Amino acid sequence: MPDAAASRAVARRPDGWSRVRRNRPAMVALVFLAVVVAFALVGPPLLPGHLKGTGEGLFLPPLSPAAGGGWHLCGTDNNGQDLFYRLLSGARVSLGVGLVGALLSLVIGSLWGMISGLCGGRIDALMMRVVDLLYAVPRILFIMIFIAAFDTVLKDGLDGLRLRAQATGWVSMEAGARQLIPYSKILVMILALGLVEWLTMARIIRGQVLVLRETTFVAASRALGQTRAGLLRRHLLPNLSTVLLTCLTLTLPAVILDESFLSFLGLGIEDPAASWGSLLKDGAQVINPFESKWWLLAFPAALMSLTLLALNFLGDGLRDAFDPRSGD
């Protein structure tokens, strides 16, 4: 009877996702992020055409009537463009850069940490010294140098691809290359962010692997002749999935913040495209003691801050739910 009661208690023990659902801040953050992503994906195509281009109504305050009908919910900028449309377009860029950069850092950091922790010995020591060396390099300075070195190369490559496609009559390839040219800095920035954001993740994964490799099932697999690649694929990676998901949600805000900072400095996306960082830069340029166009700075800052806060709340909720040391 006691054994049966204990079995029922274990069966009723909530799993990690049940804990996440009971975590109200994490669920509110998840709903908010879902709404932001949904608006960013479906909002710009659904808005009226006259709100997507420039107009004569410069610096209109929020809730001003639009010339072609409707309302400028968040006002207009110095070119007469609807700020609400630019916020949604900027959300596409900022969230896209954050997701791709975080995924790239996740792949590099997880592979580096798993190989280092599983191999151990001199290989582990050498790989961790490489991480220590890269930690000493100023992150923002590295990204700025990387963008300066490879942005022109990528632009020339895309322009050459466009000319070759035009000569051969490949209309779709020509249009794609032309559309990617304004995003060349963003593409280089994504690569640079992925190359610098994986260091902390590699240390976390290495620590988890050092614990897992001493467990009974890993030792049994080794005794049965399982290769290191098989251990990584069949045992370590499934047991690290929740840790990787948590690291991803905590890396996303860092990548988005770095992209916004670089775009604020003018090193990110180029006009007419926009990101949250470039919108903040445009808003800061029109702030003065005499006449403040507050909406140009307030709305991008509020949306970016709330998104970063929601990502941090969600990451904390995932970490608490899947931490083996946490209670019910």
Protein backbone atom coordinates (compact mmCIF):
# COMPACT_ATOMS: atom_id res chain seq x y z
CA MET A 1 0.00 0.00 0.00
CA PRO A 2 2.72 2.57 0.79
CA ASP A 3 4.43 1.66 -2.50
CA ALA A 4 1.17 2.16 -4.41
CA ALA A 5 0.61 5.53 -2.72
CA ALA A 6 4.14 6.58 -3.57
CA SER A 7 3.62 5.54 -7.19
CA ARG A 8 0.42 7.60 -7.41
CA ALA A 9 2.23 10.60 -5.88
CA VAL A 10 4.99 10.31 -8.46
CA ALA A 11 2.40 10.02 -11.23
CA ARG A 12 0.70 13.20 -10.00
CA ARG A 13 4.00 15.06 -9.86
CA PRO A 14 3.70 17.89 -12.39
CA ASP A 15 6.17 17.98 -15.25
CA GLY A 16 8.08 21.05 -16.37
CA TRP A 17 5.42 22.31 -18.77
CA SER A 18 2.78 22.08 -16.04
CA ARG A 19 4.97 24.29 -13.88
CA VAL A 20 5.31 26.76 -16.73
CA ARG A 21 1.53 26.92 -17.09
CA ARG A 22 1.21 27.61 -13.35
CA ASN A 23 3.77 30.43 -13.60
CA ARG A 24 1.56 33.46 -14.23
CA PRO A 25 4.34 35.94 -15.25
CA ALA A 26 5.75 33.40 -17.73
CA MET A 27 2.32 32.76 -19.26
CA VAL A 28 1.55 36.48 -19.53
CA ALA A 29 4.94 36.96 -21.19
CA LEU A 30 4.23 34.09 -23.59
CA VAL A 31 0.85 35.55 -24.58
CA PHE A 32 2.35 39.01 -25.08
CA LEU A 33 5.14 37.62 -27.27
CA ALA A 34 2.63 35.63 -29.31
CA VAL A 35 0.57 38.79 -29.90
CA VAL A 36 3.65 40.81 -30.93
CA VAL A 37 4.81 38.09 -33.33
CA ALA A 38 1.32 37.72 -34.81
CA PHE A 39 0.97 41.47 -35.38
CA ALA A 40 4.47 41.66 -36.88
CA LEU A 41 3.74 38.83 -39.32
CA VAL A 42 0.21 39.63 -40.44
CA GLY A 43 -0.10 43.33 -39.58
CA PRO A 44 1.93 45.07 -42.33
CA PRO A 45 0.26 43.29 -45.28
CA LEU A 46 -3.21 44.02 -43.87
CA LEU A 47 -2.71 47.75 -43.33
CA PRO A 48 -4.06 50.13 -46.01
CA GLY A 49 -1.62 51.04 -48.75
CA HIS A 50 -1.65 54.77 -48.00
CA LEU A 51 -0.22 54.07 -44.53
CA LYS A 52 2.82 52.24 -45.89
CA GLY A 53 4.47 55.08 -47.80
CA THR A 54 5.50 58.65 -47.19
CA GLY A 55 2.94 61.44 -46.96
CA GLU A 56 2.56 65.15 -46.43
CA GLY A 57 1.53 64.86 -42.78
CA LEU A 58 4.88 65.23 -41.03
CA PHE A 59 5.17 64.71 -37.27
CA LEU A 60 1.47 64.11 -36.75
CA PRO A 61 0.70 63.12 -33.13
CA PRO A 62 -0.93 59.81 -32.23
CA LEU A 63 -4.58 59.20 -33.22
CA SER A 64 -4.40 61.75 -36.04
CA PRO A 65 -6.68 61.14 -39.04
CA ALA A 66 -4.90 59.82 -42.13
CA ALA A 67 -5.29 61.54 -45.50
CA GLY A 68 -6.54 58.40 -47.24
CA GLY A 69 -8.83 57.34 -44.43
CA GLY A 70 -8.25 55.69 -41.09
CA TRP A 71 -6.01 56.85 -38.31
CA HIS A 72 -2.33 57.18 -37.53
CA LEU A 73 -2.49 55.24 -34.26
CA CYS A 74 1.08 56.08 -33.22
CA GLY A 75 1.53 59.28 -35.26
CA THR A 76 3.91 59.88 -38.17
CA ASP A 77 7.64 60.51 -38.51
CA ASN A 78 9.71 63.14 -40.32
CA ASN A 79 8.87 61.59 -43.70
CA GLY A 80 5.14 61.35 -43.05
CA GLN A 81 5.30 57.59 -42.64
CA ASP A 82 2.89 55.89 -40.28
CA LEU A 83 4.78 54.97 -37.12
CA PHE A 84 2.54 52.00 -36.32
CA TYR A 85 3.42 50.41 -39.67
CA ARG A 86 7.12 51.07 -39.09
CA LEU A 87 6.91 49.56 -35.60
CA LEU A 88 5.48 46.34 -37.01
CA SER A 89 8.04 46.29 -39.82
CA GLY A 90 10.81 46.96 -37.31
CA ALA A 91 9.52 44.13 -35.13
CA ARG A 92 9.96 41.76 -38.08
CA VAL A 93 13.60 42.78 -38.44
CA SER A 94 14.52 42.92 -34.75
CA LEU A 95 12.78 39.67 -33.81
CA GLY A 96 14.11 37.97 -36.93
CA VAL A 97 17.67 39.05 -36.19
CA GLY A 98 17.28 38.00 -32.57
CA LEU A 99 15.88 34.57 -33.46
CA VAL A 100 18.40 33.75 -36.20
CA GLY A 101 21.35 35.08 -34.20
CA ALA A 102 20.24 33.19 -31.09
CA LEU A 103 19.76 29.97 -33.08
CA LEU A 104 23.21 30.33 -34.62
CA SER A 105 24.79 30.89 -31.21
CA LEU A 106 22.75 27.96 -29.86
CA VAL A 107 24.16 25.59 -32.49
CA ILE A 108 27.75 26.75 -31.98
CA GLY A 109 27.58 26.95 -28.19
CA SER A 110 25.80 23.64 -27.68
CA LEU A 111 28.13 21.70 -29.97
CA TRP A 112 31.20 23.33 -28.41
CA GLY A 113 30.02 22.69 -24.86
CA MET A 114 28.94 19.09 -25.51
CA ILE A 115 32.17 18.15 -27.26
CA SER A 116 34.29 19.84 -24.60
CA GLY A 117 32.44 18.26 -21.68
CA LEU A 118 32.28 14.79 -23.22
CA CYS A 119 35.91 14.61 -24.33
CA GLY A 120 37.40 16.02 -21.13
CA GLY A 121 41.11 16.11 -20.42
CA ARG A 122 43.35 18.20 -22.62
CA ILE A 123 40.71 18.73 -25.29
CA ASP A 124 38.34 20.18 -22.68
CA ALA A 125 41.08 22.40 -21.27
CA LEU A 126 42.06 23.66 -24.74
CA MET A 127 38.47 24.39 -25.79
CA MET A 128 37.75 26.25 -22.57
CA ARG A 129 40.91 28.33 -22.96
CA VAL A 130 39.64 29.34 -26.40
CA VAL A 131 36.39 30.46 -24.76
CA ASP A 132 38.36 32.45 -22.16
CA LEU A 133 40.37 34.08 -24.95
CA LEU A 134 37.24 35.08 -26.85
CA TYR A 135 35.73 36.46 -23.65
CA ALA A 136 38.61 38.94 -23.51
CA VAL A 137 37.69 40.39 -26.93
CA PRO A 138 35.30 43.39 -26.65
CA ARG A 139 32.06 42.08 -28.12
CA ILE A 140 30.68 45.29 -29.62
CA LEU A 141 34.08 46.25 -31.04
CA PHE A 142 34.37 42.86 -32.72
CA ILE A 143 30.91 43.20 -34.27
CA MET A 144 31.67 46.72 -35.53
CA ILE A 145 34.93 45.57 -37.14
CA PHE A 146 33.19 42.52 -38.61
CA ILE A 147 30.46 44.69 -40.17
CA ALA A 148 32.99 47.18 -41.55
CA ALA A 149 35.06 44.38 -43.08
CA PHE A 150 32.35 42.27 -44.69
CA ASP A 151 29.43 44.61 -45.43
CA THR A 152 30.96 45.93 -48.65
CA VAL A 153 31.96 42.42 -49.69
CA LEU A 154 28.41 41.16 -49.26
CA LYS A 155 26.90 44.17 -51.04
CA ASP A 156 29.22 43.69 -54.02
CA GLY A 157 28.37 39.99 -54.09
CA LEU A 158 24.62 40.66 -54.05
CA ASP A 159 24.96 43.35 -56.71
CA GLY A 160 27.00 41.00 -58.89
CA LEU A 161 24.36 38.30 -58.41
CA ARG A 162 21.69 40.81 -59.41
CA LEU A 163 23.54 41.76 -62.60
CA ARG A 164 24.13 38.12 -63.57
CA ALA A 165 20.46 37.31 -62.94
CA GLN A 166 19.43 40.32 -65.01
CA ALA A 167 21.66 39.22 -67.87
CA THR A 168 20.33 35.67 -67.82
CA GLY A 169 16.70 36.69 -67.39
CA TRP A 170 16.17 35.24 -63.89
CA VAL A 171 13.63 37.78 -62.72
CA SER A 172 12.96 36.18 -59.31
CA MET A 173 16.66 35.96 -58.44
CA GLU A 174 17.23 39.52 -59.57
CA ALA A 175 14.36 40.77 -57.40
CA GLY A 176 15.57 38.76 -54.41
CA ALA A 177 19.12 40.08 -54.68
CA ARG A 178 17.84 43.66 -55.04
CA GLN A 179 15.68 43.30 -51.93
CA LEU A 180 18.57 41.85 -49.88
CA ILE A 181 21.03 44.69 -50.63
CA PRO A 182 19.53 47.11 -48.01
CA TYR A 183 19.72 44.26 -45.47
CA SER A 184 23.40 43.45 -46.06
CA LYS A 185 24.51 44.96 -42.75
CA ILE A 186 21.81 43.00 -40.94
CA LEU A 187 22.97 39.74 -42.56
CA VAL A 188 26.58 40.42 -41.56
CA MET A 189 25.42 41.47 -38.09
CA ILE A 190 23.49 38.21 -37.62
CA LEU A 191 26.64 36.24 -38.41
CA ALA A 192 28.73 38.41 -36.09
CA LEU A 193 26.21 38.14 -33.24
CA GLY A 194 26.06 34.38 -33.65
CA LEU A 195 29.85 34.22 -33.41
CA VAL A 196 30.04 36.11 -30.09
CA GLU A 197 26.88 35.18 -28.18
CA TRP A 198 27.65 31.46 -27.81
CA LEU A 199 30.37 31.71 -25.16
CA THR A 200 28.16 31.69 -22.06
CA MET A 201 25.96 29.02 -23.59
CA ALA A 202 28.99 26.80 -24.20
CA ARG A 203 29.96 27.00 -20.53
CA ILE A 204 26.43 26.15 -19.37
CA ILE A 205 26.16 23.16 -21.70
CA ARG A 206 29.63 21.94 -20.75
CA GLY A 207 28.67 21.99 -17.07
CA GLN A 208 25.52 19.98 -17.76
CA VAL A 209 27.47 17.44 -19.84
CA LEU A 210 30.05 17.00 -17.07
CA VAL A 211 27.19 15.97 -14.78
CA LEU A 212 25.43 13.75 -17.34
CA ARG A 213 28.51 11.82 -18.39
CA GLU A 214 28.87 10.43 -14.85
CA THR A 215 25.34 9.00 -14.83
CA THR A 216 24.65 5.28 -15.02
CA PHE A 217 23.02 5.20 -18.46
CA VAL A 218 25.95 7.03 -20.08
CA ALA A 219 28.43 4.70 -18.40
CA ALA A 220 26.41 1.69 -19.58
CA SER A 221 26.35 3.03 -23.14
CA ARG A 222 30.10 3.48 -23.04
CA ALA A 223 30.55 -0.07 -21.79
CA LEU A 224 28.42 -1.32 -24.70
CA GLY A 225 30.73 0.41 -27.16
CA GLN A 226 28.65 3.48 -27.96
CA THR A 227 30.68 6.09 -29.83
CA ARG A 228 30.94 9.70 -28.70
CA ALA A 229 28.79 10.82 -31.60
CA GLY A 230 26.16 8.29 -30.58
CA LEU A 231 26.29 9.47 -26.97
CA LEU A 232 25.74 13.05 -28.10
CA ARG A 233 22.86 12.16 -30.39
CA ARG A 234 21.03 9.51 -28.36
CA HIS A 235 21.65 10.48 -24.72
CA LEU A 236 23.10 13.94 -24.16
CA LEU A 237 21.09 15.99 -26.65
CA PRO A 238 17.63 14.69 -25.52
CA ASN A 239 18.53 15.35 -21.87
CA LEU A 240 19.76 18.84 -22.72
CA SER A 241 16.73 19.89 -24.79
CA THR A 242 15.04 21.89 -22.04
CA VAL A 243 18.33 23.52 -21.05
CA LEU A 244 18.88 24.51 -24.68
CA LEU A 245 15.36 25.97 -24.90
CA THR A 246 15.94 28.00 -21.75
CA CYS A 247 19.29 29.26 -23.03
CA LEU A 248 17.62 30.24 -26.30
CA THR A 249 14.96 32.37 -24.59
CA LEU A 250 17.64 34.06 -22.47
CA THR A 251 19.93 34.68 -25.47
CA LEU A 252 17.21 36.27 -27.59
CA PRO A 253 17.03 39.51 -25.54
CA ALA A 254 20.81 39.92 -25.64
CA VAL A 255 20.90 39.58 -29.43
CA ILE A 256 17.95 41.96 -29.92
CA LEU A 257 19.56 44.50 -27.60
CA ASP A 258 22.89 44.31 -29.44
CA GLU A 259 21.16 44.75 -32.79
CA SER A 260 19.19 47.74 -31.51
CA PHE A 261 22.32 49.34 -30.07
CA LEU A 262 24.24 48.92 -33.33
CA SER A 263 21.30 50.19 -35.39
CA PHE A 264 21.05 53.16 -33.02
CA LEU A 265 24.68 53.93 -33.87
CA GLY A 266 23.91 53.72 -37.59
CA LEU A 267 25.67 50.39 -38.11
CA GLY A 268 22.55 48.31 -38.63
CA ILE A 269 19.73 48.32 -41.15
CA GLU A 270 19.59 51.05 -43.77
CA ASP A 271 16.64 53.19 -44.86
CA PRO A 272 13.91 52.71 -45.99
CA ALA A 273 13.89 49.48 -43.97
CA ALA A 274 13.59 49.84 -40.20
CA SER A 275 14.29 48.05 -36.95
CA TRP A 276 13.56 49.06 -33.38
CA GLY A 277 17.09 50.42 -33.03
CA SER A 278 16.85 52.60 -36.14
CA LEU A 279 13.45 53.89 -34.99
CA LEU A 280 14.98 54.84 -31.65
CA LYS A 281 17.75 56.65 -33.50
CA ASP A 282 15.23 58.60 -35.59
CA GLY A 283 13.23 59.47 -32.46
CA ALA A 284 16.30 60.65 -30.55
CA GLN A 285 17.25 63.01 -33.39
CA VAL A 286 14.01 65.01 -33.09
CA ILE A 287 14.01 65.34 -29.29
CA ASN A 288 14.83 68.92 -28.27
CA PRO A 289 13.94 71.28 -25.40
CA PHE A 290 11.61 73.40 -27.56
CA GLU A 291 9.34 70.95 -29.33
CA SER A 292 9.44 67.27 -28.46
CA LYS A 293 8.07 64.66 -30.86
CA TRP A 294 7.79 62.26 -27.92
CA TRP A 295 5.85 59.53 -29.75
CA LEU A 296 8.78 58.84 -32.09
CA LEU A 297 10.86 57.74 -29.11
CA ALA A 298 8.24 56.54 -26.64
CA PHE A 299 6.50 53.89 -28.76
CA PRO A 300 9.64 52.11 -30.08
CA ALA A 301 11.25 52.22 -26.63
CA ALA A 302 8.11 50.89 -24.92
CA LEU A 303 7.58 48.06 -27.41
CA MET A 304 11.22 46.96 -27.32
CA SER A 305 11.42 47.17 -23.53
CA LEU A 306 8.22 45.17 -23.02
CA THR A 307 9.40 42.52 -25.49
CA LEU A 308 12.78 42.16 -23.78
CA LEU A 309 11.06 42.01 -20.39
CA ALA A 310 8.66 39.33 -21.63
CA LEU A 311 11.53 37.24 -23.02
CA ASN A 312 13.36 37.45 -19.70
CA PHE A 313 10.23 36.47 -17.75
CA LEU A 314 9.66 33.52 -20.08
CA GLY A 315 13.28 32.43 -19.80
CA ASP A 316 13.17 32.63 -16.01
CA GLY A 317 9.94 30.62 -15.98
CA LEU A 318 11.45 27.89 -18.16
CA ARG A 319 14.59 27.79 -16.04
CA ASP A 320 12.61 27.46 -12.80
CA ALA A 321 10.29 24.83 -14.28
CA PHE A 322 13.01 22.56 -15.65
CA ASP A 323 15.65 23.09 -12.98
CA PRO A 324 16.02 19.68 -11.27
CA ARG A 325 16.79 21.39 -7.98
CA SER A 326 13.51 23.30 -7.93
CA GLY A 327 10.58 22.04 -5.96
CA ASP A 328 6.94 21.66 -6.89
